[in-house]
PDB file of all heavy atoms in Angstrom:
ATOM      1  N   VAL A   1     111.352 101.867  86.716  1.00  0.00           N
ATOM      2  CA  VAL A   1     110.571 102.048  87.928  1.00  0.00           C
ATOM      3  C   VAL A   1     110.014 103.474  87.994  1.00  0.00           C
ATOM      4  O   VAL A   1     110.780 104.441  88.132  1.00  0.00           O
ATOM      5  CB  VAL A   1     111.482 101.819  89.198  1.00  0.00           C
ATOM      6  CG1 VAL A   1     110.662 101.889  90.463  1.00  0.00           C
ATOM      7  CG2 VAL A   1     112.226 100.475  89.081  1.00  0.00           C
ATOM      8  N   PRO A   2     108.698 103.616  87.920  1.00  0.00           N
ATOM      9  CA  PRO A   2     108.116 104.953  88.052  1.00  0.00           C
ATOM     10  C   PRO A   2     108.065 105.368  89.513  1.00  0.00           C
ATOM     11  O   PRO A   2     107.685 104.564  90.350  1.00  0.00           O
ATOM     12  CB  PRO A   2     106.698 104.808  87.455  1.00  0.00           C
ATOM     13  CG  PRO A   2     106.392 103.351  87.541  1.00  0.00           C
ATOM     14  CD  PRO A   2     107.695 102.609  87.558  1.00  0.00           C
ATOM     15  N   VAL A   3     108.514 106.578  89.787  1.00  0.00           N
ATOM     16  CA  VAL A   3     108.530 107.115  91.134  1.00  0.00           C
ATOM     17  C   VAL A   3     108.161 108.576  91.153  1.00  0.00           C
ATOM     18  O   VAL A   3     108.375 109.307  90.149  1.00  0.00           O
ATOM     19  CB  VAL A   3     109.941 106.919  91.787  1.00  0.00           C
ATOM     20  CG1 VAL A   3     110.289 105.468  92.018  1.00  0.00           C
ATOM     21  CG2 VAL A   3     111.022 107.599  90.956  1.00  0.00           C
ATOM     22  N   ALA A   4     107.632 109.023  92.291  1.00  0.00           N
ATOM     23  CA  ALA A   4     107.369 110.457  92.491  1.00  0.00           C
ATOM     24  C   ALA A   4     108.708 111.100  92.865  1.00  0.00           C
ATOM     25  O   ALA A   4     109.541 110.479  93.547  1.00  0.00           O
ATOM     26  CB  ALA A   4     106.365 110.640  93.618  1.00  0.00           C
ATOM     27  N   TYR A   5     108.893 112.362  92.470  1.00  0.00           N
ATOM     28  CA  TYR A   5     110.143 113.026  92.777  1.00  0.00           C
ATOM     29  C   TYR A   5     109.905 114.469  93.183  1.00  0.00           C
ATOM     30  O   TYR A   5     108.839 115.020  92.935  1.00  0.00           O
ATOM     31  CB  TYR A   5     111.112 112.952  91.599  1.00  0.00           C
ATOM     32  CG  TYR A   5     110.738 113.866  90.438  1.00  0.00           C
ATOM     33  CD1 TYR A   5     111.189 115.165  90.373  1.00  0.00           C
ATOM     34  CD2 TYR A   5     109.902 113.379  89.452  1.00  0.00           C
ATOM     35  CE1 TYR A   5     110.824 115.988  89.297  1.00  0.00           C
ATOM     36  CE2 TYR A   5     109.499 114.177  88.385  1.00  0.00           C
ATOM     37  CZ  TYR A   5     109.982 115.495  88.319  1.00  0.00           C
ATOM     38  OH  TYR A   5     109.589 116.278  87.313  1.00  0.00           O
ATOM     39  N   THR A   6     110.885 115.032  93.784  1.00  0.00           N
ATOM     40  CA  THR A   6     110.884 116.448  94.163  1.00  0.00           C
ATOM     41  C   THR A   6     112.253 117.006  93.808  1.00  0.00           C
ATOM     42  O   THR A   6     113.291 116.393  94.009  1.00  0.00           O
ATOM     43  CB  THR A   6     110.682 116.569  95.711  1.00  0.00           C
ATOM     44  OG1 THR A   6     109.355 116.168  96.024  1.00  0.00           O
ATOM     45  CG2 THR A   6     110.886 118.008  96.196  1.00  0.00           C
ATOM     46  N   ARG A   7     112.227 118.215  93.301  1.00  0.00           N
ATOM     47  CA  ARG A   7     113.495 118.943  93.036  1.00  0.00           C
ATOM     48  C   ARG A   7     113.823 119.702  94.308  1.00  0.00           C
ATOM     49  O   ARG A   7     112.982 120.417  94.851  1.00  0.00           O
ATOM     50  CB  ARG A   7     113.322 119.905  91.864  1.00  0.00           C
ATOM     51  CG  ARG A   7     113.131 119.169  90.537  1.00  0.00           C
ATOM     52  CD  ARG A   7     113.014 120.136  89.334  1.00  0.00           C
ATOM     53  NE  ARG A   7     112.708 119.395  88.128  1.00  0.00           N
ATOM     54  CZ  ARG A   7     113.570 118.781  87.376  1.00  0.00           C
ATOM     55  NH1 ARG A   7     114.864 118.782  87.668  1.00  0.00           N
ATOM     56  NH2 ARG A   7     113.173 118.126  86.293  1.00  0.00           N
ATOM     57  N   HIS A   8     115.091 119.540  94.758  1.00  0.00           N
ATOM     58  CA  HIS A   8     115.524 120.170  95.999  1.00  0.00           C
ATOM     59  C   HIS A   8     117.005 120.466  95.977  1.00  0.00           C
ATOM     60  O   HIS A   8     117.813 119.565  95.789  1.00  0.00           O
ATOM     61  CB  HIS A   8     115.176 119.202  97.170  1.00  0.00           C
ATOM     62  CG  HIS A   8     115.567 119.717  98.524  1.00  0.00           C
ATOM     63  ND1 HIS A   8     114.855 120.720  99.172  1.00  0.00           N
ATOM     64  CD2 HIS A   8     116.571 119.368  99.346  1.00  0.00           C
ATOM     65  CE1 HIS A   8     115.436 120.964 100.335  1.00  0.00           C
ATOM     66  NE2 HIS A   8     116.469 120.133 100.481  1.00  0.00           N
ATOM     67  N   ASP A   9     117.374 121.729  96.134  1.00  0.00           N
ATOM     68  CA  ASP A   9     118.752 122.147  96.169  1.00  0.00           C
ATOM     69  C   ASP A   9     119.562 121.596  94.974  1.00  0.00           C
ATOM     70  O   ASP A   9     120.691 121.155  95.128  1.00  0.00           O
ATOM     71  CB  ASP A   9     119.434 121.718  97.466  1.00  0.00           C
ATOM     72  CG  ASP A   9     118.884 122.483  98.711  1.00  0.00           C
ATOM     73  OD1 ASP A   9     118.257 123.555  98.510  1.00  0.00           O
ATOM     74  OD2 ASP A   9     119.071 122.011  99.825  1.00  0.00           O
ATOM     75  N   GLY A  10     118.972 121.663  93.774  1.00  0.00           N
ATOM     76  CA  GLY A  10     119.660 121.209  92.589  1.00  0.00           C
ATOM     77  C   GLY A  10     119.666 119.733  92.334  1.00  0.00           C
ATOM     78  O   GLY A  10     120.235 119.254  91.341  1.00  0.00           O
ATOM     79  N   ASP A  11     119.085 118.967  93.229  1.00  0.00           N
ATOM     80  CA  ASP A  11     119.036 117.505  93.102  1.00  0.00           C
ATOM     81  C   ASP A  11     117.600 117.075  92.904  1.00  0.00           C
ATOM     82  O   ASP A  11     116.659 117.839  93.079  1.00  0.00           O
ATOM     83  CB  ASP A  11     119.632 116.816  94.361  1.00  0.00           C
ATOM     84  CG  ASP A  11     121.108 117.032  94.509  1.00  0.00           C
ATOM     85  OD1 ASP A  11     121.813 117.046  93.493  1.00  0.00           O
ATOM     86  OD2 ASP A  11     121.559 117.134  95.667  1.00  0.00           O
ATOM     87  N   ILE A  12     117.461 115.795  92.564  1.00  0.00           N
ATOM     88  CA  ILE A  12     116.156 115.154  92.503  1.00  0.00           C
ATOM     89  C   ILE A  12     116.097 114.220  93.713  1.00  0.00           C
ATOM     90  O   ILE A  12     117.007 113.425  93.934  1.00  0.00           O
ATOM     91  CB  ILE A  12     116.057 114.311  91.211  1.00  0.00           C
ATOM     92  CG1 ILE A  12     116.249 115.153  89.928  1.00  0.00           C
ATOM     93  CG2 ILE A  12     114.713 113.530  91.159  1.00  0.00           C
ATOM     94  CD1 ILE A  12     115.206 116.217  89.735  1.00  0.00           C
ATOM     95  N   LEU A  13     115.023 114.329  94.493  1.00  0.00           N
ATOM     96  CA  LEU A  13     114.828 113.432  95.638  1.00  0.00           C
ATOM     97  C   LEU A  13     113.672 112.501  95.392  1.00  0.00           C
ATOM     98  O   LEU A  13     112.618 112.908  94.889  1.00  0.00           O
ATOM     99  CB  LEU A  13     114.493 114.270  96.905  1.00  0.00           C
ATOM    100  CG  LEU A  13     115.525 115.329  97.325  1.00  0.00           C
ATOM    101  CD1 LEU A  13     115.003 116.077  98.556  1.00  0.00           C
ATOM    102  CD2 LEU A  13     116.863 114.644  97.646  1.00  0.00           C
ATOM    103  N   VAL A  14     113.874 111.270  95.757  1.00  0.00           N
ATOM    104  CA  VAL A  14     112.839 110.240  95.655  1.00  0.00           C
ATOM    105  C   VAL A  14     112.793 109.532  97.039  1.00  0.00           C
ATOM    106  O   VAL A  14     113.802 109.016  97.502  1.00  0.00           O
ATOM    107  CB  VAL A  14     113.180 109.207  94.583  1.00  0.00           C
ATOM    108  CG1 VAL A  14     112.157 108.048  94.584  1.00  0.00           C
ATOM    109  CG2 VAL A  14     113.285 109.849  93.206  1.00  0.00           C
ATOM    110  N   GLY A  15     111.629 109.568  97.649  1.00  0.00           N
ATOM    111  CA  GLY A  15     111.429 108.849  98.899  1.00  0.00           C
ATOM    112  C   GLY A  15     110.718 107.573  98.584  1.00  0.00           C
ATOM    113  O   GLY A  15     109.717 107.544  97.898  1.00  0.00           O
ATOM    114  N   THR A  16     111.247 106.445  99.068  1.00  0.00           N
ATOM    115  CA  THR A  16     110.644 105.148  98.743  1.00  0.00           C
ATOM    116  C   THR A  16     110.961 104.159  99.864  1.00  0.00           C
ATOM    117  O   THR A  16     111.889 104.339 100.656  1.00  0.00           O
ATOM    118  CB  THR A  16     111.178 104.626  97.412  1.00  0.00           C
ATOM    119  OG1 THR A  16     110.475 103.445  97.067  1.00  0.00           O
ATOM    120  CG2 THR A  16     112.655 104.346  97.442  1.00  0.00           C
ATOM    121  N   ALA A  17     110.138 103.103  99.900  1.00  0.00           N
ATOM    122  CA  ALA A  17     110.462 101.985 100.785  1.00  0.00           C
ATOM    123  C   ALA A  17     111.707 101.291 100.210  1.00  0.00           C
ATOM    124  O   ALA A  17     112.023 101.466  99.030  1.00  0.00           O
ATOM    125  CB  ALA A  17     109.278 101.019 100.851  1.00  0.00           C
ATOM    126  N   LYS A  18     112.392 100.550 101.023  1.00  0.00           N
ATOM    127  CA  LYS A  18     113.581  99.857 100.548  1.00  0.00           C
ATOM    128  C   LYS A  18     113.183  98.614  99.768  1.00  0.00           C
ATOM    129  O   LYS A  18     113.321  97.502 100.262  1.00  0.00           O
ATOM    130  CB  LYS A  18     114.522  99.539 101.685  1.00  0.00           C
ATOM    131  CG  LYS A  18     115.834  99.062 101.187  1.00  0.00           C
ATOM    132  CD  LYS A  18     116.913  99.344 102.190  1.00  0.00           C
ATOM    133  CE  LYS A  18     118.165  98.679 101.693  1.00  0.00           C
ATOM    134  NZ  LYS A  18     119.216  99.350 101.246  1.00  0.00           N
ATOM    135  N   HIS A  19     112.694  98.838  98.541  1.00  0.00           N
ATOM    136  CA  HIS A  19     112.334  97.736  97.654  1.00  0.00           C
ATOM    137  C   HIS A  19     113.579  97.015  97.148  1.00  0.00           C
ATOM    138  O   HIS A  19     114.654  97.619  97.161  1.00  0.00           O
ATOM    139  CB  HIS A  19     111.581  98.302  96.415  1.00  0.00           C
ATOM    140  CG  HIS A  19     110.309  98.966  96.765  1.00  0.00           C
ATOM    141  ND1 HIS A  19     109.171  98.309  97.185  1.00  0.00           N
ATOM    142  CD2 HIS A  19     109.972 100.284  96.742  1.00  0.00           C
ATOM    143  CE1 HIS A  19     108.215  99.148  97.407  1.00  0.00           C
ATOM    144  NE2 HIS A  19     108.655 100.350  97.137  1.00  0.00           N
ATOM    145  N   PRO A  20     113.450  95.785  96.689  1.00  0.00           N
ATOM    146  CA  PRO A  20     114.619  95.077  96.174  1.00  0.00           C
ATOM    147  C   PRO A  20     115.394  95.840  95.079  1.00  0.00           C
ATOM    148  O   PRO A  20     116.625  95.805  95.039  1.00  0.00           O
ATOM    149  CB  PRO A  20     114.059  93.759  95.634  1.00  0.00           C
ATOM    150  CG  PRO A  20     112.853  93.538  96.476  1.00  0.00           C
ATOM    151  CD  PRO A  20     112.290  94.917  96.704  1.00  0.00           C
ATOM    152  N   TRP A  21     114.680  96.582  94.215  1.00  0.00           N
ATOM    153  CA  TRP A  21     115.366  97.313  93.147  1.00  0.00           C
ATOM    154  C   TRP A  21     116.279  98.397  93.693  1.00  0.00           C
ATOM    155  O   TRP A  21     117.235  98.790  93.031  1.00  0.00           O
ATOM    156  CB  TRP A  21     114.396  97.866  92.133  1.00  0.00           C
ATOM    157  CG  TRP A  21     113.369  98.828  92.663  1.00  0.00           C
ATOM    158  CD1 TRP A  21     112.108  98.565  93.020  1.00  0.00           C
ATOM    159  CD2 TRP A  21     113.551 100.270  92.848  1.00  0.00           C
ATOM    160  NE1 TRP A  21     111.468  99.694  93.473  1.00  0.00           N
ATOM    161  CE2 TRP A  21     112.343 100.764  93.344  1.00  0.00           C
ATOM    162  CE3 TRP A  21     114.626 101.142  92.678  1.00  0.00           C
ATOM    163  CZ2 TRP A  21     112.155 102.084  93.676  1.00  0.00           C
ATOM    164  CZ3 TRP A  21     114.422 102.465  92.993  1.00  0.00           C
ATOM    165  CH2 TRP A  21     113.224 102.928  93.488  1.00  0.00           C
ATOM    166  N   VAL A  22     116.037  98.901  94.887  1.00  0.00           N
ATOM    167  CA  VAL A  22     116.863  99.954  95.484  1.00  0.00           C
ATOM    168  C   VAL A  22     118.300  99.458  95.684  1.00  0.00           C
ATOM    169  O   VAL A  22     119.245 100.223  95.563  1.00  0.00           O
ATOM    170  CB  VAL A  22     116.231 100.496  96.791  1.00  0.00           C
ATOM    171  CG1 VAL A  22     117.187 101.439  97.512  1.00  0.00           C
ATOM    172  CG2 VAL A  22     114.902 101.165  96.525  1.00  0.00           C
ATOM    173  N   SER A  23     118.454  98.195  96.006  1.00  0.00           N
ATOM    174  CA  SER A  23     119.812  97.676  96.244  1.00  0.00           C
ATOM    175  C   SER A  23     120.674  97.708  94.976  1.00  0.00           C
ATOM    176  O   SER A  23     121.880  97.561  95.041  1.00  0.00           O
ATOM    177  CB  SER A  23     119.751  96.234  96.800  1.00  0.00           C
ATOM    178  OG  SER A  23     119.168  95.361  95.840  1.00  0.00           O
ATOM    179  N   ASN A  24     120.050  97.927  93.828  1.00  0.00           N
ATOM    180  CA  ASN A  24     120.804  98.013  92.578  1.00  0.00           C
ATOM    181  C   ASN A  24     121.364  99.428  92.327  1.00  0.00           C
ATOM    182  O   ASN A  24     122.123  99.637  91.427  1.00  0.00           O
ATOM    183  CB  ASN A  24     119.945  97.623  91.368  1.00  0.00           C
ATOM    184  CG  ASN A  24     119.604  96.147  91.415  1.00  0.00           C
ATOM    185  OD1 ASN A  24     120.455  95.323  91.592  1.00  0.00           O
ATOM    186  ND2 ASN A  24     118.325  95.843  91.255  1.00  0.00           N
TER     187      ASN A  24
END
């Protein structure tokens, strides 16, 4: 799954809609 990301406080953040793949 390709997603946009942001580096923040040492972590990677991804904001997304709650797609079915998110439940995995």
